[in-house]
Protein backbone atom coordinates (compact mmCIF):
# COMPACT_ATOMS: atom_id res chain seq x y z
CA MET A 1 44.70 -13.23 -30.47
CA ILE A 2 42.94 -9.53 -29.46
CA ASP A 3 45.77 -6.83 -30.49
CA PRO A 4 46.35 -4.12 -28.39
CA GLN A 5 45.28 -1.31 -29.84
CA THR A 6 41.36 -3.14 -31.02
CA SER A 7 41.99 -4.37 -26.82
CA PHE A 8 43.20 -0.71 -26.19
CA ASP A 9 39.78 0.74 -27.64
CA ASN A 10 37.03 -2.26 -26.56
CA LYS A 11 38.57 -1.58 -22.91
CA LEU A 12 37.90 2.59 -23.31
CA ALA A 13 34.45 1.00 -25.62
CA ASN A 14 33.21 -0.78 -22.51
CA ARG A 15 34.57 1.31 -20.03
CA PRO A 16 31.38 1.86 -16.72
CA SER A 17 29.54 5.13 -17.99
CA LEU A 18 28.17 6.92 -15.90
CA VAL A 19 24.85 6.22 -16.46
CA ILE A 20 25.19 2.25 -15.48
CA PHE A 21 26.69 3.39 -12.61
CA PHE A 22 24.33 5.20 -11.82
CA LEU A 23 21.51 2.72 -12.08
CA LYS A 24 23.42 0.00 -10.95
CA VAL A 25 23.15 2.06 -6.99
CA PHE A 26 19.62 4.47 -7.86
CA ILE A 27 17.30 0.86 -8.05
CA PRO A 28 18.25 -1.20 -5.47
CA ALA A 29 17.91 1.93 -3.30
CA SER A 30 15.25 3.36 -4.86
CA ILE A 31 13.03 -0.22 -4.03
CA ALA A 32 15.01 -0.62 -0.34
CA LEU A 33 13.65 2.39 0.30
CA TYR A 34 10.64 3.56 -1.03
CA GLY A 35 9.46 -0.66 -0.38
CA THR A 36 10.42 0.16 3.48
CA LEU A 37 8.66 3.59 3.02
CA PHE A 38 5.37 1.60 1.48
CA PHE A 39 5.68 -0.55 4.10
CA ILE A 40 5.83 2.31 6.92
CA ILE A 41 3.10 4.49 5.46
CA GLN A 42 0.68 0.55 4.97
CA GLN A 43 1.60 0.01 8.52
CA THR A 44 0.54 3.46 9.43
CA HIS A 45 -2.62 3.82 6.91
CA SER A 46 -3.42 0.31 8.55
CA GLN A 47 -3.09 1.02 12.60
CA ASP A 48 -4.89 5.25 11.47
CA LYS A 49 -7.65 2.50 10.21
CA GLN A 50 -8.23 0.34 12.90
CA LYS A 51 -8.09 3.47 15.11
CA THR A 52 -10.93 4.92 13.32
CA VAL A 53 -12.89 2.04 13.55
CA SER A 54 -12.46 0.98 17.14
CA SER A 55 -13.41 4.30 17.86
CA GLU A 56 -16.59 4.16 15.81
CA GLN A 57 -17.11 0.89 17.26
CA SER A 58 -16.91 2.63 21.17
CA ALA A 59 -19.19 5.25 20.40
CA LEU A 60 -21.90 3.21 18.27
CA LYS A 61 -21.67 1.01 21.63
CA SER A 62 -22.42 3.80 24.20
CA ALA A 63 -25.40 4.37 22.28
CA GLY A 64 -26.08 1.30 22.77
CA ASP A 65 -26.06 1.08 26.22
CA PHE A 66 -27.05 4.38 27.10
CA THR A 67 -30.44 2.95 25.19
CA SER A 68 -30.65 0.35 27.67
CA THR A 69 -30.06 2.06 30.78
CA LEU A 70 -32.96 5.17 29.21
CA PHE A 71 -34.95 1.93 28.92
CA ARG A 72 -34.47 0.40 32.47
CA ASP A 73 -35.50 3.94 34.07
CA LYS A 74 -38.61 4.32 31.52
CA LEU A 75 -39.93 0.33 32.71
CA SER A 76 -39.66 1.33 36.26
CA ASP A 77 -41.25 4.47 36.16
CA LEU A 78 -43.87 2.25 34.08
CA PHE A 79 -43.86 -0.62 37.25
CA VAL A 80 -44.21 2.16 39.48
CA LEU A 81 -47.57 3.39 38.89
CA SER A 82 -49.16 -0.18 37.58
CA GLU A 83 -48.15 -1.32 41.09
CA GLY A 84 -48.95 1.76 42.78
CA GLU A 85 -51.93 1.43 45.72
CA ILE A 86 -53.85 4.71 43.76
CA LEU A 87 -54.57 2.93 40.25
CA ARG A 88 -54.86 -0.72 42.89
CA LYS A 89 -57.71 1.43 44.67
CA TYR A 90 -59.20 2.05 41.28
CA LEU A 91 -59.05 -1.47 40.08
CA GLN A 92 -60.52 -2.37 43.42
CA ASN A 93 -63.56 0.41 42.50
CA ASP A 94 -64.05 2.21 40.13
CA SER A 95 -65.97 5.17 41.38
CA LEU A 96 -66.14 8.86 39.94
CA VAL A 97 -64.01 9.66 42.87
CA ASN A 98 -61.11 7.15 42.90
CA TRP A 99 -61.45 7.81 38.55
CA ILE A 100 -60.44 11.73 39.83
CA GLU A 101 -57.35 10.70 42.03
CA LEU A 102 -56.33 8.36 39.32
CA ASN A 103 -56.28 11.06 36.80
CA ARG A 104 -54.78 13.70 39.32
CA ALA A 105 -52.17 10.67 40.01
CA PHE A 106 -51.35 10.48 36.26
CA SER A 107 -51.33 14.53 35.90
CA LEU A 108 -48.55 14.54 38.50
CA PHE A 109 -46.55 11.98 37.20
CA VAL A 110 -46.56 13.77 33.73
CA ARG A 111 -46.10 17.01 34.75
CA ARG A 112 -43.10 15.25 36.55
CA LYS A 113 -41.60 13.50 33.96
CA PRO A 114 -41.39 15.86 30.65
CA TYR A 115 -40.85 13.74 27.94
CA TYR A 116 -44.55 11.64 28.51
CA ASP A 117 -45.96 12.49 26.07
CA GLN A 118 -49.71 10.70 27.29
CA ILE A 119 -50.75 7.99 30.52
CA ARG A 120 -53.65 5.70 29.55
CA LEU A 121 -55.51 2.87 31.60
CA LEU A 122 -57.68 0.77 28.85
CA ASN A 123 -60.08 -1.85 29.46
CA THR A 124 -59.32 -5.69 28.70
CA ASN A 125 -61.80 -4.63 25.51
CA GLY A 126 -59.24 -1.61 24.54
CA LYS A 127 -61.78 1.19 26.18
CA GLU A 128 -59.60 3.48 27.56
CA ILE A 129 -60.60 4.03 30.44
CA THR A 130 -58.41 7.33 31.62
CA ARG A 131 -56.21 9.57 29.35
CA VAL A 132 -53.23 12.16 30.33
CA ASN A 133 -52.00 14.48 27.72
CA ARG A 134 -49.00 16.35 27.83
CA THR A 135 -49.63 19.88 26.49
CA THR A 136 -47.96 22.96 25.69
CA GLY A 137 -48.88 23.86 29.06
CA ASP A 138 -50.49 22.09 31.95
CA PRO A 139 -51.69 18.12 31.92
CA GLU A 140 -54.82 17.66 30.59
CA ILE A 141 -56.53 15.10 31.53
CA VAL A 142 -59.08 13.81 28.67
CA PRO A 143 -62.95 13.84 29.23
CA LYS A 144 -64.75 10.65 29.62
CA SER A 145 -66.74 11.41 26.48
CA GLU A 146 -63.26 12.02 24.65
CA LEU A 147 -61.97 8.78 24.96
CA GLN A 148 -61.49 6.34 22.34
CA ASP A 149 -61.76 2.35 21.93
CA LYS A 150 -57.83 1.70 21.10
CA SER A 151 -59.25 -2.46 20.83
CA ASP A 152 -57.59 -2.35 17.16
CA ARG A 153 -54.06 -1.06 17.79
CA TYR A 154 -51.25 -3.09 17.87
CA TYR A 155 -49.96 -2.26 21.13
CA PHE A 156 -53.07 -2.99 22.59
CA GLN A 157 -53.37 -6.46 20.86
CA SER A 158 -49.91 -7.21 22.07
CA ALA A 159 -50.19 -6.04 25.79
CA ILE A 160 -53.07 -7.36 26.49
CA THR A 161 -51.80 -10.78 26.02
CA LEU A 162 -49.26 -10.55 28.56
CA ALA A 163 -48.88 -12.24 31.77
CA GLN A 164 -48.39 -10.50 35.08
CA GLY A 165 -45.39 -8.19 35.56
CA GLU A 166 -45.03 -8.59 31.41
CA ILE A 167 -43.92 -5.77 29.13
CA TYR A 168 -44.41 -4.57 25.99
CA ILE A 169 -42.26 -2.02 24.34
CA SER A 170 -43.55 -1.04 20.96
CA PRO A 171 -41.02 -0.07 18.07
CA LEU A 172 -40.27 3.92 17.82
CA ASP A 173 -42.54 5.29 15.38
CA LEU A 174 -44.71 8.04 14.69
CA ASN A 175 -47.75 9.17 17.35
CA MET A 176 -51.00 9.13 15.51
CA GLU A 177 -53.95 10.55 16.61
CA GLN A 178 -57.66 9.60 14.34
CA GLY A 179 -55.68 7.50 12.41
CA LYS A 180 -53.60 9.90 10.91
CA ILE A 181 -50.10 11.10 11.73
CA GLU A 182 -49.82 13.26 14.77
CA GLU A 183 -48.40 17.30 12.75
CA PRO A 184 -45.92 18.11 13.63
CA ILE A 185 -44.31 14.71 13.77
CA VAL A 186 -44.19 12.83 17.06
CA PRO A 187 -41.48 10.04 17.31
CA THR A 188 -43.04 8.05 19.74
CA ILE A 189 -42.78 4.67 21.94
CA ARG A 190 -45.13 3.13 24.28
CA PHE A 191 -44.71 0.52 27.25
CA ALA A 192 -47.26 -1.09 28.51
CA THR A 193 -48.20 -3.75 31.01
CA PRO A 194 -50.97 -5.89 32.23
CA VAL A 195 -52.64 -4.78 35.52
CA TYR A 196 -54.76 -7.15 37.98
CA ASP A 197 -57.10 -6.24 40.86
CA GLY A 198 -56.29 -7.31 43.85
CA TYR A 199 -58.05 -10.79 42.89
CA GLY A 200 -55.33 -11.74 40.50
CA LYS A 201 -57.95 -10.39 37.81
CA LYS A 202 -56.25 -8.79 34.51
CA ARG A 203 -58.55 -5.82 34.43
CA GLY A 204 -56.91 -3.73 31.56
CA VAL A 205 -53.72 -2.58 30.22
CA LEU A 206 -51.18 0.36 31.41
CA ILE A 207 -49.98 2.66 28.63
CA ILE A 208 -47.35 5.37 28.83
CA ASN A 209 -46.38 7.25 25.89
CA TYR A 210 -42.31 7.92 26.07
CA THR A 211 -40.99 10.72 23.42
CA PRO A 212 -37.48 9.94 23.30
CA ILE A 213 -36.13 13.80 22.65
CA GLU A 214 -33.20 12.84 24.87
CA LEU A 215 -32.51 9.79 23.32
CA LEU A 216 -32.24 10.88 20.47
CA GLN A 217 -31.09 13.98 21.21
CA LYS A 218 -27.80 11.96 22.84
CA ILE A 219 -27.75 9.63 20.18
CA LYS A 220 -27.37 12.29 17.36
CA ASP A 221 -24.96 14.07 19.99
CA ILE A 222 -23.19 10.33 19.67
CA PHE A 223 -23.39 10.82 15.77
CA LYS A 224 -21.84 13.95 15.97
CA SER A 225 -18.98 12.88 17.24
CA LEU A 226 -17.94 9.97 14.83
CA ARG A 227 -16.42 9.98 11.54
CA GLY A 228 -18.24 8.42 8.96
CA LYS A 229 -21.26 8.55 7.60
CA VAL A 230 -23.95 7.67 10.13
CA THR A 231 -27.77 6.45 10.56
CA MET A 232 -30.02 4.79 12.86
CA HIS A 233 -32.36 2.39 11.41
CA ASN A 234 -35.23 -0.41 12.88
CA SER A 235 -35.01 -3.96 12.66
CA ASP A 236 -36.61 -3.59 9.03
CA GLY A 237 -33.96 -1.00 7.75
CA TYR A 238 -35.88 1.91 7.53
CA TRP A 239 -34.20 5.20 8.29
CA LEU A 240 -34.88 6.73 11.77
CA MET A 241 -32.45 9.16 11.68
CA GLY A 242 -29.37 10.00 9.67
CA ALA A 243 -30.66 10.17 6.47
CA GLU A 244 -32.50 12.73 4.15
CA THR A 245 -36.09 13.75 5.40
CA GLU A 246 -37.97 12.28 2.74
CA LYS A 247 -35.90 8.76 3.41
CA LEU A 248 -36.92 8.72 7.98
CA TRP A 249 -39.92 7.13 9.15
CA GLY A 250 -40.94 5.63 5.56
CA PHE A 251 -42.52 2.62 7.16
CA MET A 252 -45.29 5.13 8.63
CA TYR A 253 -45.64 6.27 4.96
CA SER A 254 -46.06 2.82 3.48
CA SER A 255 -42.62 3.39 1.57
CA LYS A 256 -40.69 0.22 0.14
CA GLU A 257 -37.22 1.75 -0.06
CA THR A 258 -35.20 0.62 3.50
CA PHE A 259 -31.02 -0.11 3.79
CA GLU A 260 -31.55 -3.12 2.63
CA SER A 261 -32.75 -2.17 -0.89
CA GLU A 262 -29.49 0.71 -1.10
CA GLU A 263 -27.32 -1.98 0.34
CA PRO A 264 -28.80 -5.67 0.62
CA GLU A 265 -24.92 -7.58 0.87
CA VAL A 266 -24.25 -4.97 3.96
CA TRP A 267 -28.03 -5.59 5.45
CA SER A 268 -27.67 -8.89 5.03
CA LYS A 269 -24.25 -9.63 7.02
CA ILE A 270 -25.81 -6.80 9.90
CA LYS A 271 -29.02 -9.40 10.00
CA TYR A 272 -27.80 -12.46 10.48
CA SER A 273 -24.39 -11.51 12.51
CA HIS A 274 -23.80 -10.83 16.04
CA SER A 275 -24.78 -7.62 17.92
CA ASN A 276 -22.02 -5.61 16.61
CA GLY A 277 -19.41 -5.89 13.93
CA VAL A 278 -17.34 -4.56 10.73
CA ILE A 279 -18.50 -4.86 7.43
CA PRO A 280 -15.49 -3.93 4.59
CA THR A 281 -16.49 -3.63 1.16
CA SER A 282 -14.70 -2.34 -2.40
CA LYS A 283 -16.47 1.37 -1.26
CA GLY A 284 -15.70 1.51 2.73
CA ILE A 285 -16.20 -0.35 5.87
CA TYR A 286 -19.52 -0.50 7.19
CA ILE A 287 -19.56 -0.37 10.69
CA PHE A 288 -22.46 -1.17 13.05
CA GLN A 289 -24.03 -1.74 16.53
CA ARG A 290 -27.57 -3.44 17.43
CA ALA A 291 -28.94 -1.93 20.56
CA TYR A 292 -31.91 -4.01 21.57
CA PRO A 293 -34.59 -2.10 23.82
CA LEU A 294 -36.71 -4.94 24.27
CA ASN A 295 -34.15 -7.47 25.48
CA ARG A 296 -34.53 -8.29 28.68
CA HIS A 297 -31.40 -8.97 29.36
CA THR A 298 -29.77 -6.21 28.29
CA ILE A 299 -31.89 -3.83 30.46
CA GLY A 300 -31.24 -6.08 33.69
CA THR A 301 -32.64 -5.82 37.23
CA ILE A 302 -35.93 -3.34 38.00
CA GLU A 303 -35.49 -2.29 41.06
CA ASN A 304 -38.57 -2.27 43.63
CA ILE A 305 -40.56 -4.09 40.52
CA GLN A 306 -40.94 -8.11 42.25
CA LEU A 307 -41.11 -9.99 38.39
CA GLY A 308 -42.70 -13.71 38.10
CA ALA A 309 -39.85 -16.06 37.52
CA ASP A 310 -40.99 -16.57 34.10
CA ALA A 311 -41.52 -12.86 32.98
CA SER A 312 -40.71 -11.56 30.69
CA VAL A 313 -39.35 -8.59 28.18
CA ARG A 314 -41.52 -9.11 24.93
CA ARG A 315 -39.20 -9.13 21.98
CA ASN A 316 -41.42 -9.12 19.36
CA GLY A 317 -40.07 -10.94 16.46
CA ASP A 318 -36.47 -9.98 17.58
CA ARG A 319 -37.12 -6.17 17.38
CA TYR A 320 -33.60 -3.55 17.28
CA TRP A 321 -32.65 -0.37 16.31
CA VAL A 322 -28.67 -0.42 14.46
CA TYR A 323 -26.54 2.22 14.62
CA ILE A 324 -24.22 2.28 11.34
CA SER A 325 -21.44 4.13 10.53
CA TYR A 326 -20.18 4.54 7.21
CA LEU A 327 -16.39 5.34 6.37
CA SER A 328 -15.86 5.20 3.06
CA ASN A 329 -12.54 5.13 1.01
CA GLU A 330 -11.67 8.72 0.91
CA THR A 331 -12.67 9.20 4.45
CA ILE A 332 -10.40 6.66 5.82
CA SER A 333 -7.44 8.30 3.75
CA GLN A 334 -8.50 11.36 5.10
CA GLN A 335 -8.03 10.43 8.64
CA SER A 336 -4.77 8.66 7.99
CA SER A 337 -1.91 10.80 10.10
CA ILE A 338 0.24 10.39 6.43
CA PRO A 339 -2.16 11.95 4.04
CA VAL A 340 -1.98 10.89 0.49
CA TYR A 341 -0.45 14.83 -0.79
CA MET A 342 2.02 14.36 2.40
CA SER A 343 3.08 10.63 1.51
CA THR A 344 3.50 12.32 -2.38
CA ILE A 345 5.55 14.31 -0.63
CA LEU A 346 8.02 12.42 0.77
CA TYR A 347 8.46 9.99 -2.19
CA ILE A 348 9.25 13.01 -4.26
CA LEU A 349 11.67 14.13 -1.81
CA LEU A 350 12.79 10.79 -1.70
CA PHE A 351 13.22 10.79 -5.24
CA ILE A 352 15.51 13.49 -5.28
CA ALA A 353 17.58 12.16 -2.26
CA ILE A 354 18.04 8.97 -3.93
CA SER A 355 19.01 10.53 -6.82
CA LEU A 356 21.53 12.75 -5.80
CA THR A 357 22.96 10.48 -3.99
CA SER A 358 23.32 7.74 -6.10
CA GLY A 359 25.16 9.94 -8.94
CA LEU A 360 27.43 10.74 -6.71
CA ILE A 361 27.70 7.88 -5.31
CA ALA A 362 27.53 6.97 -9.35
CA MET A 363 30.60 9.73 -10.32
CA ASN A 364 32.47 8.19 -7.78
CA GLY A 365 32.59 5.06 -8.82
CA VAL A 366 33.30 6.02 -12.58
CA GLN A 367 36.11 7.64 -10.98
CA LYS A 368 37.51 4.92 -9.49
CA LYS A 369 36.54 2.21 -11.97
CA THR A 370 38.18 4.58 -14.78
CA ALA A 371 41.85 5.04 -12.23
CA SER A 372 41.68 1.45 -11.94
CA ILE A 373 41.57 0.98 -15.92
CA LYS A 374 44.16 3.71 -16.48
CA LEU A 375 46.93 1.80 -14.39
CA LEU A 376 46.05 -1.56 -15.64
CA GLN A 377 46.49 -0.26 -18.86
CA GLU A 378 50.17 1.33 -17.99
CA ALA A 379 50.75 -2.06 -16.31
CA ASN A 380 49.96 -3.78 -19.50
CA THR A 381 50.43 -1.01 -22.83
CA ASP A 382 53.57 0.87 -23.98
CA GLU A 383 52.76 4.51 -23.16
CA LEU A 384 53.22 5.76 -26.82
CA THR A 385 52.39 3.57 -29.28
CA GLY A 386 49.08 1.95 -27.33
CA LEU A 387 50.26 -1.39 -28.28
CA TYR A 388 51.09 -4.06 -25.17
CA ASN A 389 53.86 -3.81 -23.64
CA ARG A 390 56.18 -6.70 -22.75
CA ARG A 391 55.68 -7.38 -19.85
CA GLU A 392 52.01 -8.74 -21.35
CA LEU A 393 53.78 -10.21 -24.01
CA ASN A 394 55.47 -12.70 -22.58
CA LYS A 395 52.26 -13.87 -20.43
CA ILE A 396 49.94 -14.08 -23.59
CA ALA A 397 52.99 -15.38 -25.73
CA GLU A 398 53.22 -18.32 -22.96
CA ILE A 399 49.90 -19.32 -23.47
CA GLU A 400 49.53 -19.13 -27.33
CA PHE A 401 52.78 -21.34 -26.87
CA LYS A 402 51.25 -23.94 -24.87
CA ARG A 403 47.74 -23.55 -26.24
CA ALA A 404 49.50 -25.15 -30.01
CA GLN A 405 52.02 -26.96 -28.29
CA ARG A 406 48.75 -29.29 -26.56
CA PHE A 407 46.50 -29.00 -29.67
CA ASN A 408 49.53 -29.52 -32.21
CA ARG A 409 48.97 -25.54 -34.18
CA ASP A 410 51.31 -23.94 -36.21
CA TYR A 411 52.37 -20.72 -34.23
CA SER A 412 55.34 -18.11 -35.56
CA ILE A 413 56.53 -15.28 -34.18
CA LEU A 414 58.31 -12.23 -36.36
CA ILE A 415 60.63 -9.78 -33.94
CA ILE A 416 60.39 -6.57 -36.31
CA ASP A 417 63.38 -3.79 -36.31
CA LEU A 418 63.75 -0.20 -37.56
CA ASP A 419 66.50 0.41 -39.76
CA ASN A 420 69.43 3.18 -38.64
CA PHE A 421 66.70 4.10 -36.12
CA LYS A 422 69.46 5.85 -34.06
CA LYS A 423 70.55 7.52 -37.12
CA VAL A 424 67.08 9.11 -36.74
CA ASN A 425 66.92 10.62 -33.59
CA ASP A 426 70.62 12.17 -34.21
CA THR A 427 69.30 13.57 -36.94
CA TYR A 428 65.44 14.61 -36.26
CA GLY A 429 65.15 14.03 -32.54
CA HIS A 430 63.73 12.47 -30.30
CA SER A 431 59.96 14.11 -31.00
CA ILE A 432 60.15 12.84 -34.51
CA GLY A 433 61.51 9.32 -33.67
CA ASP A 434 58.46 9.04 -31.50
CA GLN A 435 56.50 9.99 -34.35
CA ILE A 436 58.27 7.41 -36.60
CA LEU A 437 57.41 5.00 -33.60
CA GLN A 438 54.21 5.67 -34.17
CA HIS A 439 53.93 6.04 -37.57
CA ASN A 440 55.13 2.21 -37.70
CA ALA A 441 53.14 0.99 -34.99
CA ASN A 442 49.61 1.53 -37.12
CA ILE A 443 51.14 0.22 -40.44
CA PHE A 444 52.37 -3.52 -38.58
CA LEU A 445 48.77 -3.29 -36.60
CA ASP A 446 46.94 -2.74 -40.71
CA SER A 447 49.02 -6.37 -41.81
CA THR A 448 47.40 -8.39 -38.20
CA ARG A 449 44.78 -10.29 -37.95
CA SER A 450 42.37 -10.35 -34.63
CA GLU A 451 43.94 -13.23 -33.26
CA ASP A 452 46.97 -12.03 -33.91
CA LEU A 453 49.13 -9.63 -31.41
CA LEU A 454 51.64 -6.87 -31.67
CA ALA A 455 53.84 -5.58 -28.68
CA ARG A 456 56.27 -3.40 -28.24
CA TYR A 457 59.41 -5.01 -27.03
CA GLY A 458 61.80 -1.83 -26.33
CA GLY A 459 63.31 0.84 -27.96
CA GLU A 460 62.21 0.43 -32.11
CA GLU A 461 61.80 -3.60 -31.85
CA PHE A 462 58.23 -4.92 -32.15
CA VAL A 463 56.62 -8.84 -31.56
CA MET A 464 54.19 -10.34 -33.58
CA LEU A 465 53.09 -13.41 -32.23
CA LEU A 466 50.71 -14.98 -35.03
CA PRO A 467 48.75 -18.19 -33.62
CA GLU A 468 47.58 -20.69 -36.21
CA THR A 469 50.48 -19.75 -38.93
CA ASP A 470 53.18 -21.47 -40.10
CA ILE A 471 56.69 -19.69 -41.13
CA GLU A 472 55.63 -19.44 -45.03
CA GLY A 473 52.55 -17.44 -43.71
CA ALA A 474 54.74 -15.93 -41.38
CA LYS A 475 57.05 -14.67 -44.36
CA LEU A 476 54.74 -13.54 -47.02
CA LEU A 477 53.10 -11.36 -44.02
CA ALA A 478 56.50 -10.25 -43.23
CA GLN A 479 57.72 -9.56 -46.54
CA ARG A 480 53.85 -7.28 -47.19
CA ILE A 481 55.36 -5.32 -43.43
CA CYS A 482 58.43 -4.51 -45.02
CA GLU A 483 57.15 -3.22 -48.28
CA ASP A 484 54.14 -0.96 -46.66
CA VAL A 485 57.18 0.77 -44.55
CA ARG A 486 59.34 1.40 -47.19
CA ASN A 487 56.36 2.88 -49.28
CA LYS A 488 54.72 4.91 -46.40
CA PRO A 489 56.97 7.50 -45.21
CA VAL A 490 56.22 9.70 -41.82
CA GLY A 491 55.01 12.85 -42.88
CA SER A 492 56.64 15.31 -40.57
CA ARG A 493 57.56 19.09 -39.91
CA TYR A 494 60.92 18.58 -41.90
CA GLY A 495 58.85 16.94 -45.03
CA ASN A 496 58.52 12.75 -45.46
CA ILE A 497 60.54 10.51 -44.16
CA SER A 498 61.12 7.30 -44.74
CA THR A 499 62.20 4.02 -42.85
CA THR A 500 62.46 0.49 -43.71
CA VAL A 501 62.35 -2.51 -41.09
CA SER A 502 64.44 -5.81 -40.48
CA ILE A 503 62.26 -8.64 -40.20
CA GLY A 504 63.23 -11.98 -38.18
CA VAL A 505 60.93 -15.13 -38.57
CA SER A 506 60.77 -18.07 -36.34
CA GLN A 507 57.81 -21.47 -36.08
CA ILE A 508 57.07 -23.39 -33.13
CA ASP A 509 59.77 -26.96 -32.81
CA GLN A 510 58.24 -29.62 -30.99
CA ASN A 511 61.94 -29.74 -29.11
CA ASP A 512 60.74 -26.39 -27.87
CA GLN A 513 60.47 -25.93 -24.06
CA SER A 514 59.20 -22.01 -24.25
CA TYR A 515 57.86 -19.76 -26.53
CA THR A 516 61.34 -18.01 -25.70
CA ASP A 517 62.85 -20.67 -27.47
CA ILE A 518 61.10 -19.73 -31.16
CA LEU A 519 62.13 -15.84 -29.35
CA GLU A 520 65.42 -16.69 -29.34
CA ARG A 521 65.41 -17.88 -33.43
CA SER A 522 63.42 -15.13 -34.74
CA ASP A 523 65.86 -12.93 -32.74
CA ILE A 524 68.56 -14.42 -34.41
CA ALA A 525 67.07 -14.28 -38.15
CA LEU A 526 66.38 -10.45 -37.06
CA TYR A 527 70.20 -10.00 -37.01
CA MET A 528 71.27 -12.25 -40.49
CA ALA A 529 68.75 -9.51 -42.05
CA LYS A 530 70.20 -6.38 -40.33
CA ARG A 531 74.00 -8.31 -41.29
CA THR A 532 72.79 -8.55 -44.61
CA GLY A 533 71.63 -5.13 -45.70
CA LYS A 534 68.57 -4.47 -43.83
CA ASN A 535 65.44 -3.64 -45.54
CA ARG A 536 64.96 -7.32 -45.61
CA VAL A 537 63.08 -10.87 -43.78
CA GLU A 538 65.26 -13.68 -42.67
CA ALA A 539 63.36 -17.14 -41.25
CA ILE A 540 64.84 -20.13 -39.50
């Protein structure tokens, strides 16, 4: 049994501290609120990221759609010329007059189509029959003496094998004259188709050199609207736009540096994926869109041009262009509607708010808990001595009685009464009397074990419960208490005041029904001690 003073000290020591209350509120609140905020920010970032990706995809698709529409117009021009009466007339009769008329027709066409740099008619051996060049001024008809042999050029070799109505479109590359890349560089696409005379005999190839300035400028404008780093590549991964100057048109200069050489895993996925897609990496996201200028399916029907059922647009090894937008993790973060710095500010503000709120709640909780503990202490303890009061004594004493009775254990009770206490009060006053009660209560406590219990029973009477103690042990303890009280006077402004106590002792009996039976015998013993001279111990 714990003595009341020790119990009182333990209660004070275990009183919930402000820090503990604060942490109990702060930690769950922080986890909940920070978790909620983190979830909201992550969801916002995810949605913003998806919007950015969708916007990039839409823009790249528009570039691809524009390419198909533009190529459709160019192919229409090609067939207008190849199926025209002037060309048919020349193929039927290659007289000088018809040759001049054909050149005039080509010249007029080039004049009205500002992005066509050259129109050529080659015979079946690859020799130029006629060529009209766009110069800085008017279109120029090249004299017969300056016409060249193009039989070794890839576009002639590909186009001459086609059937009537079939189309060849070259890769986007740089124009070459006399075996050298023209300076300044001129990006060029060649549209070609075989031409036939009225008897169905193949007579050569018609070729239009198209400088795709309008296409490249449109793509550049689209690229400017994108948020990522955007590049344009041919089907082999060489840069056509969006990279450093030294990287552009690398295939024309025998360079081995390609997108594939820099990002092999990304290019592999682009190469073997569908026409568009999103490729996430640890550094960011690659968004790509293929454009198939050679795919007749994407070009659609060409008005006024009747093609055979087997006519096709050669794809020449599945050639295509690739538009790629690269969004780094940093770029994606910057596009978020909740930037990193704002997230940090929100976390800091939330931390301050939770801390202040937790502090206020903790202070209120501590005050309530302290008040509750104080009320409990006031209900269970004696205000003057800090010992258990009579109500708490009755409860604990009965519990100990039943335990001793059940297990057949020793159990003794002392009743201690200060001798002549009324006279002390009358002589020195009640304040000195209270001081004497406190002084002697401490002496009694010094003599108890941790399992014993001391309580103020009323006035100057105290009761000590002694579990596991027989009557002989209880008498020895009582004698020691008497001696200690006698030998330890109370210091006061009146000097040292000596006091004595009388003690009644009794122990549990097999006929007892309650601890009060032991208490009554102890009270009788106390009465005997008082009658026989006080300052002594009596036991029953």
